[in-house]
Amino acid sequence: MVTTVDEEGLRIQFPFGRGQKSIRFDQIVKWEVVRYQTGGFWRGVGAPGLEFPSCAIRVQGNRGVRLDLNDGLHLLIGSQEPERLAALIAEHRIAVSTVVG
Protein backbone atom coordinates (compact mmCIF):
# COMPACT_ATOMS: atom_id res chain seq x y z
CA MET A 1 0.00 0.00 0.00
CA VAL A 2 1.18 3.49 -0.79
CA THR A 3 0.10 6.70 0.95
CA THR A 4 0.79 9.93 -0.95
CA VAL A 5 0.23 13.53 0.02
CA ASP A 6 -0.51 16.24 -2.55
CA GLU A 7 -2.13 19.70 -2.52
CA GLU A 8 -5.65 18.23 -2.27
CA GLY A 9 -5.16 15.62 0.44
CA LEU A 10 -4.09 12.07 1.20
CA ARG A 11 -4.40 9.26 -1.30
CA ILE A 12 -4.09 5.71 -0.08
CA GLN A 13 -3.54 3.22 -2.90
CA PHE A 14 -4.45 -0.33 -1.93
CA PRO A 15 -2.44 -3.25 -3.31
CA PHE A 16 -3.55 -5.72 -5.93
CA GLY A 17 -5.84 -3.29 -7.74
CA ARG A 18 -8.23 -2.91 -4.78
CA GLY A 19 -8.70 0.80 -5.42
CA GLN A 20 -7.86 3.86 -3.40
CA LYS A 21 -9.17 6.07 -0.61
CA SER A 22 -8.88 9.86 -0.83
CA ILE A 23 -9.12 12.22 2.12
CA ARG A 24 -9.19 15.98 1.57
CA PHE A 25 -7.29 18.16 4.03
CA ASP A 26 -10.42 20.15 4.84
CA GLN A 27 -12.00 16.90 6.12
CA ILE A 28 -9.28 16.43 8.76
CA VAL A 29 -10.16 17.94 12.14
CA LYS A 30 -7.35 16.39 14.19
CA TRP A 31 -4.33 14.13 13.58
CA GLU A 32 -1.99 12.40 15.98
CA VAL A 33 0.86 9.87 15.88
CA VAL A 34 -0.19 6.81 17.90
CA ARG A 35 0.95 3.34 18.82
CA TYR A 36 -1.65 0.67 18.24
CA GLN A 37 -2.19 -3.01 18.84
CA THR A 38 -3.70 -5.50 16.48
CA GLY A 39 -5.99 -7.75 18.45
CA GLY A 40 -6.25 -10.59 15.97
CA PHE A 41 -8.93 -11.28 13.42
CA TRP A 42 -11.96 -10.83 15.67
CA ARG A 43 -10.77 -8.02 17.94
CA GLY A 44 -9.57 -5.58 15.30
CA VAL A 45 -7.22 -2.71 16.14
CA GLY A 46 -6.92 -0.75 19.37
CA ALA A 47 -5.39 2.73 19.48
CA PRO A 48 -5.82 5.83 21.65
CA GLY A 49 -8.87 7.78 20.48
CA LEU A 50 -9.92 5.14 17.98
CA GLU A 51 -13.59 4.65 18.73
CA PHE A 52 -16.71 3.87 16.74
CA PRO A 53 -17.10 4.73 13.93
CA SER A 54 -13.56 3.93 12.89
CA CYS A 55 -11.55 2.32 10.14
CA ALA A 56 -7.98 1.01 10.11
CA ILE A 57 -5.88 1.07 6.97
CA ARG A 58 -2.63 -0.87 6.68
CA VAL A 59 -2.27 -2.04 10.22
CA GLN A 60 1.03 -3.85 9.83
CA GLY A 61 3.43 -2.89 12.59
CA ASN A 62 2.40 -0.84 15.62
CA ARG A 63 2.64 2.87 14.72
CA GLY A 64 0.55 5.16 12.60
CA VAL A 65 -1.43 8.39 12.35
CA ARG A 66 -4.95 8.61 13.75
CA LEU A 67 -7.18 11.08 11.90
CA ASP A 68 -10.44 12.52 13.20
CA LEU A 69 -12.58 13.58 10.26
CA ASN A 70 -15.34 16.19 10.20
CA ASP A 71 -17.97 13.50 9.53
CA GLY A 72 -17.16 11.79 12.86
CA LEU A 73 -15.05 8.98 11.38
CA HIS A 74 -11.81 8.03 13.15
CA LEU A 75 -9.24 6.69 10.72
CA LEU A 76 -5.94 4.95 11.53
CA ILE A 77 -3.28 4.85 8.82
CA GLY A 78 -0.37 2.57 9.66
CA SER A 79 2.99 3.99 8.62
CA GLN A 80 6.69 3.21 8.89
CA GLU A 81 7.24 6.98 9.20
CA PRO A 82 4.23 8.31 11.14
CA GLU A 83 5.98 11.51 12.31
CA ARG A 84 6.78 12.42 8.71
CA LEU A 85 3.20 11.73 7.60
CA ALA A 86 1.81 13.82 10.51
CA ALA A 87 4.19 16.69 9.65
CA LEU A 88 3.07 16.66 6.00
CA ILE A 89 -0.58 16.69 7.08
CA ALA A 90 0.11 19.62 9.42
CA GLU A 91 1.94 21.56 6.70
CA HIS A 92 -0.81 21.07 4.13
CA ARG A 93 -3.65 21.50 6.63
CA ILE A 94 -2.24 24.89 7.70
CA ALA A 95 -1.96 25.90 4.03
CA VAL A 96 -5.60 24.91 3.42
CA SER A 97 -6.87 26.84 6.46
CA THR A 98 -4.89 29.92 5.39
CA VAL A 99 -6.44 29.87 1.92
CA VAL A 100 -9.97 29.13 3.16
CA GLY A 101 -9.91 31.36 6.27
C-alpha atoms as a PDB file:
ATOM      1  CA  MET A   1       0.000   0.000   0.000  1.00  0.00           C
ATOM      2  CA  VAL A   2       1.184   3.493  -0.791  1.00  0.00           C
ATOM      3  CA  THR A   3       0.101   6.702   0.948  1.00  0.00           C
ATOM      4  CA  THR A   4       0.786   9.929  -0.952  1.00  0.00           C
ATOM      5  CA  VAL A   5       0.231  13.532   0.018  1.00  0.00           C
ATOM      6  CA  ASP A   6      -0.512  16.241  -2.547  1.00  0.00           C
ATOM      7  CA  GLU A   7      -2.132  19.695  -2.522  1.00  0.00           C
ATOM      8  CA  GLU A   8      -5.649  18.230  -2.266  1.00  0.00           C
ATOM      9  CA  GLY A   9      -5.156  15.617   0.439  1.00  0.00           C
ATOM     10  CA  LEU A  10      -4.094  12.071   1.204  1.00  0.00           C
ATOM     11  CA  ARG A  11      -4.396   9.262  -1.300  1.00  0.00           C
ATOM     12  CA  ILE A  12      -4.095   5.711  -0.078  1.00  0.00           C
ATOM     13  CA  GLN A  13      -3.538   3.221  -2.901  1.00  0.00           C
ATOM     14  CA  PHE A  14      -4.449  -0.330  -1.926  1.00  0.00           C
ATOM     15  CA  PRO A  15      -2.439  -3.253  -3.310  1.00  0.00           C
ATOM     16  CA  PHE A  16      -3.546  -5.723  -5.934  1.00  0.00           C
ATOM     17  CA  GLY A  17      -5.845  -3.285  -7.737  1.00  0.00           C
ATOM     18  CA  ARG A  18      -8.234  -2.910  -4.784  1.00  0.00           C
ATOM     19  CA  GLY A  19      -8.699   0.798  -5.422  1.00  0.00           C
ATOM     20  CA  GLN A  20      -7.857   3.863  -3.395  1.00  0.00           C
ATOM     21  CA  LYS A  21      -9.168   6.073  -0.615  1.00  0.00           C
ATOM     22  CA  SER A  22      -8.877   9.857  -0.828  1.00  0.00           C
ATOM     23  CA  ILE A  23      -9.118  12.219   2.122  1.00  0.00           C
ATOM     24  CA  ARG A  24      -9.190  15.984   1.566  1.00  0.00           C
ATOM     25  CA  PHE A  25      -7.289  18.161   4.028  1.00  0.00           C
ATOM     26  CA  ASP A  26     -10.422  20.152   4.841  1.00  0.00           C
ATOM     27  CA  GLN A  27     -11.999  16.900   6.118  1.00  0.00           C
ATOM     28  CA  ILE A  28      -9.279  16.425   8.759  1.00  0.00           C
ATOM     29  CA  VAL A  29     -10.162  17.935  12.136  1.00  0.00           C
ATOM     30  CA  LYS A  30      -7.346  16.386  14.192  1.00  0.00           C
ATOM     31  CA  TRP A  31      -4.332  14.133  13.583  1.00  0.00           C
ATOM     32  CA  GLU A  32      -1.986  12.399  15.984  1.00  0.00           C
ATOM     33  CA  VAL A  33       0.859   9.865  15.883  1.00  0.00           C
ATOM     34  CA  VAL A  34      -0.194   6.813  17.903  1.00  0.00           C
ATOM     35  CA  ARG A  35       0.955   3.339  18.821  1.00  0.00           C
ATOM     36  CA  TYR A  36      -1.651   0.669  18.244  1.00  0.00           C
ATOM     37  CA  GLN A  37      -2.186  -3.013  18.837  1.00  0.00           C
ATOM     38  CA  THR A  38      -3.704  -5.495  16.484  1.00  0.00           C
ATOM     39  CA  GLY A  39      -5.992  -7.754  18.455  1.00  0.00           C
ATOM     40  CA  GLY A  40      -6.249 -10.590  15.975  1.00  0.00           C
ATOM     41  CA  PHE A  41      -8.933 -11.282  13.416  1.00  0.00           C
ATOM     42  CA  TRP A  42     -11.958 -10.827  15.668  1.00  0.00           C
ATOM     43  CA  ARG A  43     -10.771  -8.024  17.945  1.00  0.00           C
ATOM     44  CA  GLY A  44      -9.567  -5.582  15.301  1.00  0.00           C
ATOM     45  CA  VAL A  45      -7.220  -2.710  16.138  1.00  0.00           C
ATOM     46  CA  GLY A  46      -6.923  -0.747  19.370  1.00  0.00           C
ATOM     47  CA  ALA A  47      -5.392   2.730  19.478  1.00  0.00           C
ATOM     48  CA  PRO A  48      -5.816   5.835  21.649  1.00  0.00           C
ATOM     49  CA  GLY A  49      -8.865   7.782  20.480  1.00  0.00           C
ATOM     50  CA  LEU A  50      -9.916   5.135  17.982  1.00  0.00           C
ATOM     51  CA  GLU A  51     -13.591   4.653  18.728  1.00  0.00           C
ATOM     52  CA  PHE A  52     -16.713   3.874  16.745  1.00  0.00           C
ATOM     53  CA  PRO A  53     -17.101   4.731  13.931  1.00  0.00           C
ATOM     54  CA  SER A  54     -13.557   3.930  12.893  1.00  0.00           C
ATOM     55  CA  CYS A  55     -11.551   2.322  10.140  1.00  0.00           C
ATOM     56  CA  ALA A  56      -7.982   1.013  10.115  1.00  0.00           C
ATOM     57  CA  ILE A  57      -5.883   1.069   6.965  1.00  0.00           C
ATOM     58  CA  ARG A  58      -2.633  -0.866   6.682  1.00  0.00           C
ATOM     59  CA  VAL A  59      -2.271  -2.042  10.217  1.00  0.00           C
ATOM     60  CA  GLN A  60       1.029  -3.854   9.831  1.00  0.00           C
ATOM     61  CA  GLY A  61       3.431  -2.889  12.592  1.00  0.00           C
ATOM     62  CA  ASN A  62       2.399  -0.836  15.616  1.00  0.00           C
ATOM     63  CA  ARG A  63       2.636   2.870  14.718  1.00  0.00           C
ATOM     64  CA  GLY A  64       0.545   5.164  12.602  1.00  0.00           C
ATOM     65  CA  VAL A  65      -1.425   8.386  12.352  1.00  0.00           C
ATOM     66  CA  ARG A  66      -4.953   8.614  13.746  1.00  0.00           C
ATOM     67  CA  LEU A  67      -7.178  11.075  11.898  1.00  0.00           C
ATOM     68  CA  ASP A  68     -10.436  12.515  13.200  1.00  0.00           C
ATOM     69  CA  LEU A  69     -12.583  13.584  10.263  1.00  0.00           C
ATOM     70  CA  ASN A  70     -15.340  16.192  10.205  1.00  0.00           C
ATOM     71  CA  ASP A  71     -17.970  13.498   9.530  1.00  0.00           C
ATOM     72  CA  GLY A  72     -17.160  11.794  12.863  1.00  0.00           C
ATOM     73  CA  LEU A  73     -15.047   8.978  11.383  1.00  0.00           C
ATOM     74  CA  HIS A  74     -11.809   8.029  13.151  1.00  0.00           C
ATOM     75  CA  LEU A  75      -9.237   6.685  10.721  1.00  0.00           C
ATOM     76  CA  LEU A  76      -5.942   4.952  11.526  1.00  0.00           C
ATOM     77  CA  ILE A  77      -3.277   4.851   8.823  1.00  0.00           C
ATOM     78  CA  GLY A  78      -0.367   2.565   9.659  1.00  0.00           C
ATOM     79  CA  SER A  79       2.991   3.990   8.624  1.00  0.00           C
ATOM     80  CA  GLN A  80       6.687   3.212   8.888  1.00  0.00           C
ATOM     81  CA  GLU A  81       7.241   6.979   9.204  1.00  0.00           C
ATOM     82  CA  PRO A  82       4.228   8.310  11.141  1.00  0.00           C
ATOM     83  CA  GLU A  83       5.984  11.506  12.309  1.00  0.00           C
ATOM     84  CA  ARG A  84       6.784  12.418   8.709  1.00  0.00           C
ATOM     85  CA  LEU A  85       3.196  11.733   7.603  1.00  0.00           C
ATOM     86  CA  ALA A  86       1.810  13.817  10.509  1.00  0.00           C
ATOM     87  CA  ALA A  87       4.188  16.692   9.648  1.00  0.00           C
ATOM     88  CA  LEU A  88       3.070  16.656   5.998  1.00  0.00           C
ATOM     89  CA  ILE A  89      -0.577  16.687   7.077  1.00  0.00           C
ATOM     90  CA  ALA A  90       0.111  19.622   9.421  1.00  0.00           C
ATOM     91  CA  GLU A  91       1.940  21.557   6.702  1.00  0.00           C
ATOM     92  CA  HIS A  92      -0.811  21.065   4.126  1.00  0.00           C
ATOM     93  CA  ARG A  93      -3.646  21.502   6.632  1.00  0.00           C
ATOM     94  CA  ILE A  94      -2.244  24.891   7.698  1.00  0.00           C
ATOM     95  CA  ALA A  95      -1.964  25.904   4.031  1.00  0.00           C
ATOM     96  CA  VAL A  96      -5.596  24.913   3.416  1.00  0.00           C
ATOM     97  CA  SER A  97      -6.874  26.838   6.464  1.00  0.00           C
ATOM     98  CA  THR A  98      -4.888  29.923   5.394  1.00  0.00           C
ATOM     99  CA  VAL A  99      -6.440  29.867   1.917  1.00  0.00           C
ATOM    100  CA  VAL A 100      -9.969  29.135   3.161  1.00  0.00           C
ATOM    101  CA  GLY A 101      -9.914  31.358   6.266  1.00  0.00           C
END
